[in-house]
Amino acid sequence: MYLRKFSLDGTVGIVTGGGQGLGRVYCHALAEAGADIVVAEVQPDSGEETAEQVRGLGRRGLAVETDVRRSDSIERMVERTLSEFGKIDFLINNAARERVCPSADVSEEEWREVFELNLHGVMACCQAVGRHMIERKSGAIVNIASISGHVLNRGRAHASYNVSKAGVIHLTKALACEWAEHNSRVNAISPGYMATEQAKHALADPTYGPHVIPWVPMQRIGEPEELGAAAIFLVSAASSYMTGATLIIDGGYTCW
């Protein structure tokens, strides 16, 4: 009985930024659990590569070139998904960007650029897909936040990223409360330091990297695959009474 609740057989989901990094990991995990996946990716080649991998797992995979900073692009993403699959059961809002720059020096353009993608893009996707879920009286949205939305990363000057991810966490709560009556759930995942290419680059910085592990109680950074099961849980029937929550997966980093 209980294991069946984690099955995603017959479901259709969209993963933004699904062509690379953690987005690709979510696509693989959700497909393995039985879902058909729409890979919404601004880089069409990497999006198609992930879609092909989804098809290799025995599920339907579709790549849709999508820029979540543009409402017309998001609308096309939704329209294409509905045209091909007829419904949207879940959305993973993964597309994001980080800018490292001292706050005294960050330009208005750089600040706006981060918010345009990390917060406005999340809201715009939630809104476009949420309308469909409200109409169907069913759906689950998972916004990918960050531990940077809960605490500051020691030695890391990226206020725009921190604040945008904090906004994602609060937006998650707001939408969860508004859409609960429509049986549409909204939750979030806040990953800690994961072994992505971006994180490896940051951790290679001798003035920063060597200090990270001592701040993690589990004394290691996470493997990207360790996030996949959380995504499955949050979009499946296993979390049917869960909304407005944020799962922090960080090896204990935010405990200290």
Protein backbone atom coordinates (compact mmCIF):
# COMPACT_ATOMS: atom_id res chain seq x y z
CA MET A 1 0.00 0.00 0.00
CA TYR A 2 2.57 2.54 1.08
CA LEU A 3 5.16 1.94 -1.61
CA ARG A 4 2.49 2.41 -4.29
CA LYS A 5 1.98 5.97 -3.08
CA PHE A 6 5.45 6.85 -4.40
CA SER A 7 4.64 5.64 -7.91
CA LEU A 8 4.34 8.28 -10.63
CA ASP A 9 2.98 5.92 -13.28
CA GLY A 10 0.70 7.78 -15.68
CA THR A 11 1.75 11.24 -14.55
CA VAL A 12 3.18 14.10 -16.59
CA GLY A 13 5.59 16.70 -15.23
CA ILE A 14 7.65 19.70 -16.30
CA VAL A 15 11.18 20.32 -15.04
CA THR A 16 12.58 23.79 -15.77
CA GLY A 17 16.32 23.91 -16.30
CA GLY A 18 16.10 20.17 -16.82
CA GLY A 19 18.84 19.97 -19.41
CA GLN A 20 21.76 20.07 -17.00
CA GLY A 21 22.96 19.87 -13.41
CA LEU A 22 20.40 19.12 -10.72
CA GLY A 23 17.58 19.61 -13.22
CA ARG A 24 18.76 16.58 -15.17
CA VAL A 25 18.93 14.59 -11.93
CA TYR A 26 15.29 15.43 -11.16
CA CYS A 27 14.28 14.37 -14.68
CA HIS A 28 16.01 11.01 -14.30
CA ALA A 29 14.55 10.34 -10.85
CA LEU A 30 10.99 11.27 -11.79
CA ALA A 31 11.15 9.23 -14.99
CA GLU A 32 12.43 6.19 -13.08
CA ALA A 33 9.42 6.56 -10.78
CA GLY A 34 7.13 6.36 -13.83
CA ALA A 35 6.52 9.94 -14.97
CA ASP A 36 6.61 11.32 -18.50
CA ILE A 37 8.83 14.40 -18.50
CA VAL A 38 8.86 17.72 -20.32
CA VAL A 39 12.37 19.15 -20.18
CA ALA A 40 11.98 22.93 -20.22
CA GLU A 41 15.46 24.19 -21.03
CA VAL A 42 16.84 27.42 -22.49
CA GLN A 43 19.64 25.47 -24.18
CA PRO A 44 17.88 23.24 -26.72
CA ASP A 45 20.74 20.77 -27.26
CA SER A 46 21.12 19.89 -23.59
CA GLY A 47 17.34 19.79 -23.20
CA GLU A 48 17.02 17.27 -26.02
CA GLU A 49 19.86 15.20 -24.55
CA THR A 50 17.98 14.90 -21.25
CA ALA A 51 14.72 14.11 -23.06
CA GLU A 52 16.50 11.31 -24.93
CA GLN A 53 17.76 9.93 -21.61
CA VAL A 54 14.20 10.00 -20.27
CA ARG A 55 13.05 8.03 -23.30
CA GLY A 56 15.87 5.59 -22.64
CA LEU A 57 14.27 4.93 -19.25
CA GLY A 58 11.08 3.85 -20.97
CA ARG A 59 9.12 7.05 -20.44
CA ARG A 60 8.01 9.75 -22.84
CA GLY A 61 10.43 12.66 -22.89
CA LEU A 62 9.90 15.99 -24.64
CA ALA A 63 12.34 18.91 -24.79
CA VAL A 64 10.79 22.38 -25.05
CA GLU A 65 13.05 25.38 -25.46
CA THR A 66 12.00 27.67 -22.61
CA ASP A 67 13.24 30.93 -21.15
CA VAL A 68 11.48 31.31 -17.80
CA ARG A 69 12.23 35.04 -17.80
CA ARG A 70 9.70 35.48 -20.62
CA SER A 71 5.98 34.97 -20.11
CA ASP A 72 5.40 34.15 -23.79
CA SER A 73 8.00 31.39 -23.62
CA ILE A 74 6.39 29.96 -20.49
CA GLU A 75 2.97 30.00 -22.12
CA ARG A 76 4.38 28.08 -25.10
CA MET A 77 5.87 25.55 -22.67
CA VAL A 78 2.46 24.98 -21.09
CA GLU A 79 0.64 24.86 -24.44
CA ARG A 80 3.13 22.39 -25.90
CA THR A 81 2.87 20.15 -22.84
CA LEU A 82 -0.92 20.12 -22.94
CA SER A 83 -0.90 19.53 -26.69
CA GLU A 84 1.46 16.55 -26.41
CA PHE A 85 0.33 15.02 -23.11
CA GLY A 86 -3.10 16.51 -22.32
CA LYS A 87 -2.35 17.40 -18.71
CA ILE A 88 0.27 18.58 -16.22
CA ASP A 89 0.44 16.71 -12.92
CA PHE A 90 3.52 18.39 -11.48
CA LEU A 91 6.06 21.14 -12.00
CA ILE A 92 9.64 21.32 -10.72
CA ASN A 93 10.86 24.93 -10.74
CA ASN A 94 14.60 24.34 -10.96
CA ALA A 95 16.00 27.00 -13.34
CA ALA A 96 18.16 29.50 -11.43
CA ARG A 97 21.34 31.55 -11.49
CA GLU A 98 23.95 32.66 -8.96
CA ARG A 99 26.02 35.84 -9.07
CA VAL A 100 28.95 36.17 -6.67
CA CYS A 101 29.76 39.83 -6.05
CA PRO A 102 30.25 42.03 -2.97
CA SER A 103 27.02 43.91 -2.29
CA ALA A 104 28.79 47.27 -2.44
CA ASP A 105 29.81 46.54 -6.01
CA VAL A 106 26.90 44.61 -7.51
CA SER A 107 25.27 46.47 -10.38
CA GLU A 108 21.55 47.07 -10.68
CA GLU A 109 21.58 45.01 -13.87
CA GLU A 110 23.20 42.01 -12.15
CA TRP A 111 20.82 42.26 -9.19
CA ARG A 112 17.77 42.38 -11.45
CA GLU A 113 19.09 39.55 -13.60
CA VAL A 114 19.22 37.16 -10.64
CA PHE A 115 15.74 38.10 -9.45
CA GLU A 116 14.31 37.90 -12.96
CA LEU A 117 15.29 34.24 -13.20
CA ASN A 118 15.30 32.99 -9.61
CA LEU A 119 12.11 34.60 -8.30
CA HIS A 120 10.09 36.16 -11.11
CA GLY A 121 10.67 33.08 -13.29
CA VAL A 122 9.47 30.78 -10.51
CA MET A 123 6.34 32.85 -9.94
CA ALA A 124 5.57 33.07 -13.66
CA CYS A 125 5.88 29.29 -14.08
CA CYS A 126 3.81 28.63 -10.96
CA GLN A 127 1.13 30.97 -12.25
CA ALA A 128 0.98 29.53 -15.78
CA VAL A 129 0.94 25.90 -14.63
CA GLY A 130 -1.09 26.68 -11.52
CA ARG A 131 -4.05 27.88 -13.57
CA HIS A 132 -4.22 24.46 -15.20
CA MET A 133 -3.94 22.70 -11.83
CA ILE A 134 -6.63 24.88 -10.28
CA GLU A 135 -8.96 24.04 -13.15
CA ARG A 136 -8.24 20.32 -12.78
CA LYS A 137 -8.41 20.49 -8.98
CA SER A 138 -5.17 18.54 -8.83
CA GLY A 139 -1.43 19.10 -9.03
CA ALA A 140 1.86 19.47 -7.22
CA ILE A 141 4.55 22.12 -7.59
CA VAL A 142 8.06 21.88 -6.16
CA ASN A 143 10.13 25.06 -6.09
CA ILE A 144 13.87 24.54 -5.78
CA ALA A 145 15.10 26.98 -3.16
CA SER A 146 18.45 26.71 -1.35
CA ILE A 147 20.00 26.71 2.08
CA SER A 148 21.05 30.21 1.01
CA GLY A 149 17.41 31.21 1.51
CA HIS A 150 17.60 30.19 5.17
CA VAL A 151 21.13 31.18 6.22
CA LEU A 152 24.05 33.04 4.73
CA ASN A 153 26.83 31.00 3.17
CA ARG A 154 29.92 31.90 5.18
CA GLY A 155 32.55 33.59 3.07
CA ARG A 156 30.27 33.81 0.03
CA ALA A 157 29.18 37.28 -1.17
CA HIS A 158 26.01 36.71 -3.16
CA ALA A 159 23.23 38.69 -1.51
CA SER A 160 21.06 38.66 -4.64
CA TYR A 161 21.04 34.86 -4.66
CA ASN A 162 20.34 34.65 -0.91
CA VAL A 163 17.44 37.07 -1.04
CA SER A 164 15.93 35.58 -4.20
CA LYS A 165 15.95 32.09 -2.69
CA ALA A 166 14.43 33.39 0.55
CA GLY A 167 11.72 34.84 -1.64
CA VAL A 168 11.14 31.44 -3.24
CA ILE A 169 10.59 29.90 0.20
CA HIS A 170 8.05 32.54 1.18
CA LEU A 171 6.36 32.42 -2.24
CA THR A 172 5.97 28.69 -1.75
CA LYS A 173 4.05 29.28 1.48
CA ALA A 174 1.88 31.98 -0.07
CA LEU A 175 0.85 29.89 -3.07
CA ALA A 176 0.34 26.80 -0.92
CA CYS A 177 -2.21 28.64 1.20
CA GLU A 178 -3.98 30.20 -1.78
CA TRP A 179 -4.24 27.00 -3.80
CA ALA A 180 -4.90 24.44 -1.07
CA GLU A 181 -8.65 24.70 -1.63
CA HIS A 182 -8.05 23.62 -5.23
CA ASN A 183 -6.17 20.47 -4.18
CA SER A 184 -3.00 21.92 -5.68
CA ARG A 185 0.03 21.56 -3.43
CA VAL A 186 3.15 23.75 -3.41
CA ASN A 187 6.32 22.73 -1.58
CA ALA A 188 10.04 23.43 -1.86
CA ILE A 189 13.42 21.75 -1.59
CA SER A 190 16.42 23.61 -0.18
CA PRO A 191 19.58 21.77 -1.22
CA GLY A 192 22.86 22.33 0.55
CA TYR A 193 26.25 21.96 -1.09
CA MET A 194 25.90 19.34 -3.81
CA ALA A 195 28.60 17.93 -6.07
CA THR A 196 27.52 19.80 -9.22
CA GLU A 197 29.97 21.37 -11.65
CA GLN A 198 29.07 24.83 -10.34
CA ALA A 199 29.69 23.82 -6.73
CA LYS A 200 32.94 22.07 -7.61
CA HIS A 201 34.18 25.30 -9.15
CA ALA A 202 33.33 27.26 -6.01
CA LEU A 203 34.84 24.65 -3.72
CA ALA A 204 38.08 24.73 -5.75
CA ASP A 205 38.63 28.30 -4.54
CA PRO A 206 41.40 27.95 -1.91
CA THR A 207 40.07 30.92 0.05
CA TYR A 208 36.62 29.37 0.34
CA GLY A 209 36.40 25.67 -0.49
CA PRO A 210 38.54 24.19 2.31
CA HIS A 211 36.30 25.80 4.92
CA VAL A 212 33.01 24.32 3.71
CA ILE A 213 33.28 20.69 4.87
CA PRO A 214 34.03 21.57 8.52
CA TRP A 215 30.70 23.46 8.57
CA VAL A 216 28.75 20.38 7.47
CA PRO A 217 27.99 17.99 10.36
CA MET A 218 28.04 15.00 7.99
CA GLN A 219 31.52 16.12 6.89
CA ARG A 220 30.87 15.89 3.14
CA ILE A 221 28.94 17.57 0.38
CA GLY A 222 25.92 15.86 -1.09
CA GLU A 223 25.65 13.83 -4.24
CA PRO A 224 23.08 15.23 -6.71
CA GLU A 225 21.26 11.89 -6.79
CA GLU A 226 20.47 12.33 -3.11
CA LEU A 227 17.88 14.96 -4.08
CA GLY A 228 15.95 12.79 -6.53
CA ALA A 229 13.94 10.84 -3.95
CA ALA A 230 12.79 14.08 -2.31
CA ALA A 231 11.37 15.29 -5.62
CA ILE A 232 9.54 11.98 -6.10
CA PHE A 233 8.10 12.22 -2.59
CA LEU A 234 6.85 15.79 -3.00
CA VAL A 235 5.04 15.24 -6.30
CA SER A 236 3.60 11.83 -5.40
CA ALA A 237 0.63 10.71 -3.34
CA ALA A 238 3.07 9.93 -0.52
CA SER A 239 3.02 13.63 0.43
CA SER A 240 -0.70 14.23 -0.17
CA TYR A 241 -1.19 16.16 3.11
CA MET A 242 1.97 18.23 2.73
CA THR A 243 1.93 21.77 1.38
CA GLY A 244 3.78 25.00 2.13
CA ALA A 245 6.76 23.04 3.47
CA THR A 246 10.44 23.21 2.60
CA LEU A 247 12.65 20.13 2.80
CA ILE A 248 16.21 21.11 3.75
CA ILE A 249 18.71 18.55 2.43
CA ASP A 250 22.13 19.81 3.48
CA GLY A 251 23.93 17.26 5.66
CA GLY A 252 23.08 19.41 8.66
CA TYR A 253 24.74 22.62 7.43
CA THR A 254 21.91 24.90 8.61
CA CYS A 255 21.82 23.33 12.08
CA TRP A 256 24.94 25.19 13.22
